[in-house]
Amino acid sequence: MAKLSELARLVRSKNAGPFNQTLDVMFEVPEYYERVKQKGIITPALVSKLYGIDIDRVTVVYCDVAQAIKIAFPRPVPAGDIGNTDVFGAQQHAPLLGVEV
């Protein structure tokens, strides 16, 4: 088995405003994208488990044209608020890197 970080060209996270977080998983090799998509690896249930978020608050969209997966969910702490450790949301993709495919 390979890890998602080995198959994806880019795995990143960023803010979608101060209250939401997005994660992007982009593939250069079409077979890798199809492999992840067909196996149903990236799901709201997985993201819920990795990030401790209610499954109903997670959105996962597979974009075939771009060979990419977009994940969105509310931030646990608004960007810039007291207790926020990543104001830009740029370090939140790490839990996805080790996902087995």
N, C-alpha and C. Protein backbone atom coordinates (compact mmCIF):
# COMPACT_ATOMS: atom_id res chain seq x y z
N MET A 1 0.83 -1.19 0.00
CA MET A 1 0.00 0.00 0.00
C MET A 1 0.88 1.25 0.00
N ALA A 2 0.39 2.25 -0.69
CA ALA A 2 1.09 3.53 -0.74
C ALA A 2 0.36 4.53 0.15
N LYS A 3 1.07 5.55 0.55
CA LYS A 3 0.46 6.65 1.31
C LYS A 3 -0.02 7.71 0.33
N LEU A 4 -1.04 8.44 0.74
CA LEU A 4 -1.58 9.50 -0.10
C LEU A 4 -0.48 10.49 -0.51
N SER A 5 0.42 10.78 0.40
CA SER A 5 1.52 11.72 0.11
C SER A 5 2.43 11.23 -1.00
N GLU A 6 2.48 9.93 -1.24
CA GLU A 6 3.32 9.36 -2.29
C GLU A 6 2.63 9.41 -3.65
N LEU A 7 1.32 9.45 -3.66
CA LEU A 7 0.57 9.43 -4.92
C LEU A 7 0.15 10.82 -5.40
N ALA A 8 -0.15 11.68 -4.47
CA ALA A 8 -0.64 13.02 -4.83
C ALA A 8 0.53 13.94 -5.19
N ARG A 9 0.30 14.77 -6.16
CA ARG A 9 1.30 15.79 -6.54
C ARG A 9 1.34 16.90 -5.50
N LEU A 10 0.17 17.23 -4.94
CA LEU A 10 0.08 18.31 -3.97
C LEU A 10 -1.02 18.01 -2.97
N VAL A 11 -0.72 18.18 -1.70
CA VAL A 11 -1.71 18.10 -0.63
C VAL A 11 -1.52 19.38 0.17
N ARG A 12 -2.56 20.21 0.25
CA ARG A 12 -2.41 21.49 0.93
C ARG A 12 -3.69 21.84 1.68
N SER A 13 -3.55 22.80 2.57
CA SER A 13 -4.71 23.31 3.30
C SER A 13 -4.65 24.82 3.29
N LYS A 14 -5.81 25.42 3.44
CA LYS A 14 -5.89 26.88 3.50
C LYS A 14 -7.24 27.29 4.04
N ASN A 15 -7.31 28.53 4.45
CA ASN A 15 -8.58 29.07 4.92
C ASN A 15 -9.53 29.30 3.76
N ALA A 16 -10.79 29.17 4.05
CA ALA A 16 -11.85 29.60 3.14
C ALA A 16 -12.66 30.60 3.95
N GLY A 17 -12.03 31.72 4.22
CA GLY A 17 -12.59 32.71 5.13
C GLY A 17 -12.15 32.38 6.54
N PRO A 18 -12.53 33.18 7.52
CA PRO A 18 -12.06 32.97 8.89
C PRO A 18 -12.71 31.79 9.61
N PHE A 19 -13.80 31.26 9.08
CA PHE A 19 -14.52 30.22 9.79
C PHE A 19 -14.47 28.84 9.15
N ASN A 20 -13.89 28.73 7.96
CA ASN A 20 -13.86 27.45 7.25
C ASN A 20 -12.45 27.10 6.79
N GLN A 21 -12.21 25.81 6.68
CA GLN A 21 -10.93 25.26 6.27
C GLN A 21 -11.15 24.43 5.01
N THR A 22 -10.21 24.50 4.07
CA THR A 22 -10.28 23.62 2.91
C THR A 22 -8.97 22.85 2.78
N LEU A 23 -9.09 21.65 2.27
CA LEU A 23 -7.94 20.81 1.97
C LEU A 23 -8.04 20.44 0.50
N ASP A 24 -6.92 20.48 -0.19
CA ASP A 24 -6.87 20.11 -1.60
C ASP A 24 -5.90 18.96 -1.78
N VAL A 25 -6.33 17.96 -2.54
CA VAL A 25 -5.47 16.84 -2.90
C VAL A 25 -5.47 16.79 -4.42
N MET A 26 -4.31 17.03 -5.02
CA MET A 26 -4.22 17.10 -6.48
C MET A 26 -3.26 16.04 -7.01
N PHE A 27 -3.64 15.45 -8.12
CA PHE A 27 -2.87 14.36 -8.70
C PHE A 27 -2.36 14.74 -10.09
N GLU A 28 -1.15 14.29 -10.39
CA GLU A 28 -0.58 14.50 -11.72
C GLU A 28 -0.82 13.26 -12.60
N VAL A 29 -0.82 12.11 -11.97
CA VAL A 29 -1.00 10.84 -12.68
C VAL A 29 -2.47 10.43 -12.60
N PRO A 30 -3.16 10.37 -13.75
CA PRO A 30 -4.59 10.03 -13.73
C PRO A 30 -4.91 8.71 -13.03
N GLU A 31 -4.04 7.73 -13.17
CA GLU A 31 -4.28 6.43 -12.54
C GLU A 31 -4.30 6.54 -11.01
N TYR A 32 -3.47 7.41 -10.46
CA TYR A 32 -3.45 7.59 -9.01
C TYR A 32 -4.75 8.22 -8.53
N TYR A 33 -5.21 9.23 -9.25
CA TYR A 33 -6.48 9.86 -8.89
C TYR A 33 -7.61 8.84 -8.94
N GLU A 34 -7.68 8.09 -10.03
CA GLU A 34 -8.75 7.09 -10.19
C GLU A 34 -8.66 6.02 -9.10
N ARG A 35 -7.47 5.63 -8.73
CA ARG A 35 -7.27 4.63 -7.68
C ARG A 35 -7.87 5.12 -6.36
N VAL A 36 -7.55 6.35 -5.98
CA VAL A 36 -8.07 6.91 -4.74
C VAL A 36 -9.59 7.07 -4.83
N LYS A 37 -10.07 7.55 -5.96
CA LYS A 37 -11.51 7.76 -6.15
C LYS A 37 -12.28 6.43 -6.12
N GLN A 38 -11.82 5.45 -6.87
CA GLN A 38 -12.53 4.18 -6.96
C GLN A 38 -12.56 3.43 -5.64
N LYS A 39 -11.49 3.55 -4.86
CA LYS A 39 -11.44 2.88 -3.56
C LYS A 39 -12.25 3.62 -2.50
N GLY A 40 -12.67 4.85 -2.82
CA GLY A 40 -13.45 5.62 -1.87
C GLY A 40 -12.67 5.93 -0.60
N ILE A 41 -11.40 6.24 -0.77
CA ILE A 41 -10.51 6.46 0.37
C ILE A 41 -10.87 7.75 1.13
N ILE A 42 -11.00 8.85 0.40
CA ILE A 42 -11.25 10.14 1.03
C ILE A 42 -12.76 10.34 1.13
N THR A 43 -13.28 10.25 2.34
CA THR A 43 -14.71 10.36 2.60
C THR A 43 -14.96 11.30 3.77
N PRO A 44 -16.18 11.77 3.92
CA PRO A 44 -16.49 12.56 5.11
C PRO A 44 -16.19 11.80 6.41
N ALA A 45 -16.41 10.49 6.41
CA ALA A 45 -16.14 9.69 7.61
C ALA A 45 -14.66 9.72 7.97
N LEU A 46 -13.79 9.58 6.96
CA LEU A 46 -12.35 9.62 7.22
C LEU A 46 -11.93 10.99 7.75
N VAL A 47 -12.39 12.04 7.09
CA VAL A 47 -12.04 13.41 7.50
C VAL A 47 -12.57 13.68 8.91
N SER A 48 -13.77 13.23 9.20
CA SER A 48 -14.36 13.38 10.53
C SER A 48 -13.46 12.73 11.58
N LYS A 49 -13.00 11.55 11.29
CA LYS A 49 -12.13 10.82 12.22
C LYS A 49 -10.78 11.51 12.38
N LEU A 50 -10.17 11.92 11.28
CA LEU A 50 -8.83 12.54 11.33
C LEU A 50 -8.83 13.89 12.04
N TYR A 51 -9.90 14.65 11.86
CA TYR A 51 -9.93 16.02 12.36
C TYR A 51 -10.86 16.24 13.54
N GLY A 52 -11.56 15.18 13.97
CA GLY A 52 -12.44 15.30 15.12
C GLY A 52 -13.61 16.24 14.88
N ILE A 53 -14.15 16.17 13.69
CA ILE A 53 -15.26 17.04 13.28
C ILE A 53 -16.49 16.18 13.02
N ASP A 54 -17.65 16.71 13.33
CA ASP A 54 -18.89 16.00 13.07
C ASP A 54 -19.00 15.69 11.58
N ILE A 55 -19.29 14.47 11.24
CA ILE A 55 -19.34 14.01 9.85
C ILE A 55 -20.28 14.86 9.00
N ASP A 56 -21.35 15.36 9.58
CA ASP A 56 -22.32 16.16 8.83
C ASP A 56 -21.78 17.54 8.44
N ARG A 57 -20.65 17.92 8.98
CA ARG A 57 -20.07 19.23 8.69
C ARG A 57 -18.94 19.15 7.68
N VAL A 58 -18.69 17.96 7.15
CA VAL A 58 -17.59 17.74 6.20
C VAL A 58 -18.15 17.57 4.79
N THR A 59 -17.53 18.27 3.83
CA THR A 59 -17.88 18.13 2.42
C THR A 59 -16.65 17.63 1.67
N VAL A 60 -16.85 16.60 0.85
CA VAL A 60 -15.77 16.07 0.01
C VAL A 60 -16.28 16.07 -1.43
N VAL A 61 -15.52 16.71 -2.32
CA VAL A 61 -15.90 16.79 -3.73
C VAL A 61 -14.75 16.26 -4.58
N TYR A 62 -15.06 15.28 -5.44
CA TYR A 62 -14.09 14.78 -6.41
C TYR A 62 -14.29 15.55 -7.72
N CYS A 63 -13.23 16.16 -8.21
CA CYS A 63 -13.30 16.93 -9.44
C CYS A 63 -12.48 16.22 -10.52
N ASP A 64 -13.18 15.46 -11.37
CA ASP A 64 -12.51 14.65 -12.38
C ASP A 64 -11.67 15.47 -13.35
N VAL A 65 -12.19 16.60 -13.79
CA VAL A 65 -11.49 17.43 -14.77
C VAL A 65 -10.12 17.87 -14.25
N ALA A 66 -10.05 18.20 -12.98
CA ALA A 66 -8.80 18.68 -12.40
C ALA A 66 -7.99 17.57 -11.74
N GLN A 67 -8.54 16.35 -11.69
CA GLN A 67 -7.90 15.25 -10.98
C GLN A 67 -7.56 15.67 -9.56
N ALA A 68 -8.57 16.19 -8.88
CA ALA A 68 -8.36 16.75 -7.56
C ALA A 68 -9.54 16.44 -6.64
N ILE A 69 -9.26 16.50 -5.35
CA ILE A 69 -10.28 16.31 -4.32
C ILE A 69 -10.27 17.56 -3.46
N LYS A 70 -11.44 18.13 -3.23
CA LYS A 70 -11.59 19.32 -2.38
C LYS A 70 -12.37 18.90 -1.15
N ILE A 71 -11.84 19.23 0.01
CA ILE A 71 -12.47 18.91 1.29
C ILE A 71 -12.70 20.23 2.02
N ALA A 72 -13.88 20.38 2.61
CA ALA A 72 -14.18 21.61 3.35
C ALA A 72 -14.88 21.26 4.65
N PHE A 73 -14.56 22.03 5.69
CA PHE A 73 -15.20 21.88 6.99
C PHE A 73 -14.96 23.14 7.82
N PRO A 74 -15.78 23.35 8.84
CA PRO A 74 -15.59 24.53 9.69
C PRO A 74 -14.31 24.41 10.52
N ARG A 75 -13.64 25.53 10.71
CA ARG A 75 -12.47 25.56 11.58
C ARG A 75 -12.93 25.40 13.03
N PRO A 76 -12.16 24.73 13.87
CA PRO A 76 -12.55 24.61 15.28
C PRO A 76 -12.44 25.93 16.03
N VAL A 77 -11.50 26.77 15.59
CA VAL A 77 -11.30 28.11 16.17
C VAL A 77 -11.18 29.08 15.00
N PRO A 78 -11.93 30.18 14.98
CA PRO A 78 -11.81 31.12 13.87
C PRO A 78 -10.38 31.64 13.70
N ALA A 79 -10.01 31.91 12.47
CA ALA A 79 -8.66 32.42 12.18
C ALA A 79 -8.41 33.71 12.95
N GLY A 80 -7.29 33.75 13.66
CA GLY A 80 -6.90 34.93 14.39
C GLY A 80 -7.50 35.05 15.78
N ASP A 81 -8.40 34.14 16.13
CA ASP A 81 -9.03 34.20 17.45
C ASP A 81 -8.08 33.64 18.51
N ILE A 82 -8.37 33.93 19.77
CA ILE A 82 -7.56 33.39 20.86
C ILE A 82 -7.61 31.87 20.79
N GLY A 83 -6.46 31.24 20.88
CA GLY A 83 -6.37 29.79 20.82
C GLY A 83 -6.11 29.25 19.42
N ASN A 84 -6.12 30.11 18.43
CA ASN A 84 -5.84 29.68 17.06
C ASN A 84 -4.33 29.51 16.89
N THR A 85 -3.91 28.36 16.40
CA THR A 85 -2.48 28.08 16.25
C THR A 85 -2.01 28.16 14.80
N ASP A 86 -2.91 28.37 13.87
CA ASP A 86 -2.54 28.41 12.45
C ASP A 86 -3.47 29.40 11.75
N VAL A 87 -3.14 30.68 11.83
CA VAL A 87 -4.04 31.73 11.35
C VAL A 87 -4.37 31.60 9.86
N PHE A 88 -3.45 31.07 9.06
CA PHE A 88 -3.70 30.93 7.63
C PHE A 88 -4.26 29.55 7.25
N GLY A 89 -4.31 28.64 8.19
CA GLY A 89 -4.81 27.30 7.91
C GLY A 89 -3.89 26.50 7.01
N ALA A 90 -2.63 26.89 6.93
CA ALA A 90 -1.70 26.30 5.97
C ALA A 90 -1.01 25.03 6.46
N GLN A 91 -1.22 24.66 7.71
CA GLN A 91 -0.55 23.47 8.25
C GLN A 91 -1.53 22.35 8.61
N GLN A 92 -2.74 22.45 8.14
CA GLN A 92 -3.79 21.50 8.56
C GLN A 92 -3.90 20.27 7.68
N HIS A 93 -3.12 20.17 6.64
CA HIS A 93 -3.21 19.03 5.73
C HIS A 93 -2.45 17.80 6.23
N ALA A 94 -1.62 17.95 7.23
CA ALA A 94 -0.74 16.87 7.68
C ALA A 94 -1.45 15.54 7.98
N PRO A 95 -2.61 15.52 8.65
CA PRO A 95 -3.24 14.23 8.91
C PRO A 95 -3.55 13.42 7.64
N LEU A 96 -3.76 14.09 6.52
CA LEU A 96 -4.07 13.37 5.28
C LEU A 96 -2.85 12.67 4.68
N LEU A 97 -1.66 13.17 4.95
CA LEU A 97 -0.46 12.68 4.28
C LEU A 97 -0.21 11.19 4.50
N GLY A 98 -0.51 10.69 5.66
CA GLY A 98 -0.24 9.29 5.97
C GLY A 98 -1.37 8.32 5.66
N VAL A 99 -2.45 8.81 5.06
CA VAL A 99 -3.59 7.94 4.74
C VAL A 99 -3.15 6.86 3.75
N GLU A 100 -3.44 5.62 4.10
CA GLU A 100 -3.07 4.48 3.24
C GLU A 100 -4.06 4.34 2.09
N VAL A 101 -3.52 4.14 0.90
CA VAL A 101 -4.34 4.00 -0.31
C VAL A 101 -4.21 2.58 -0.84
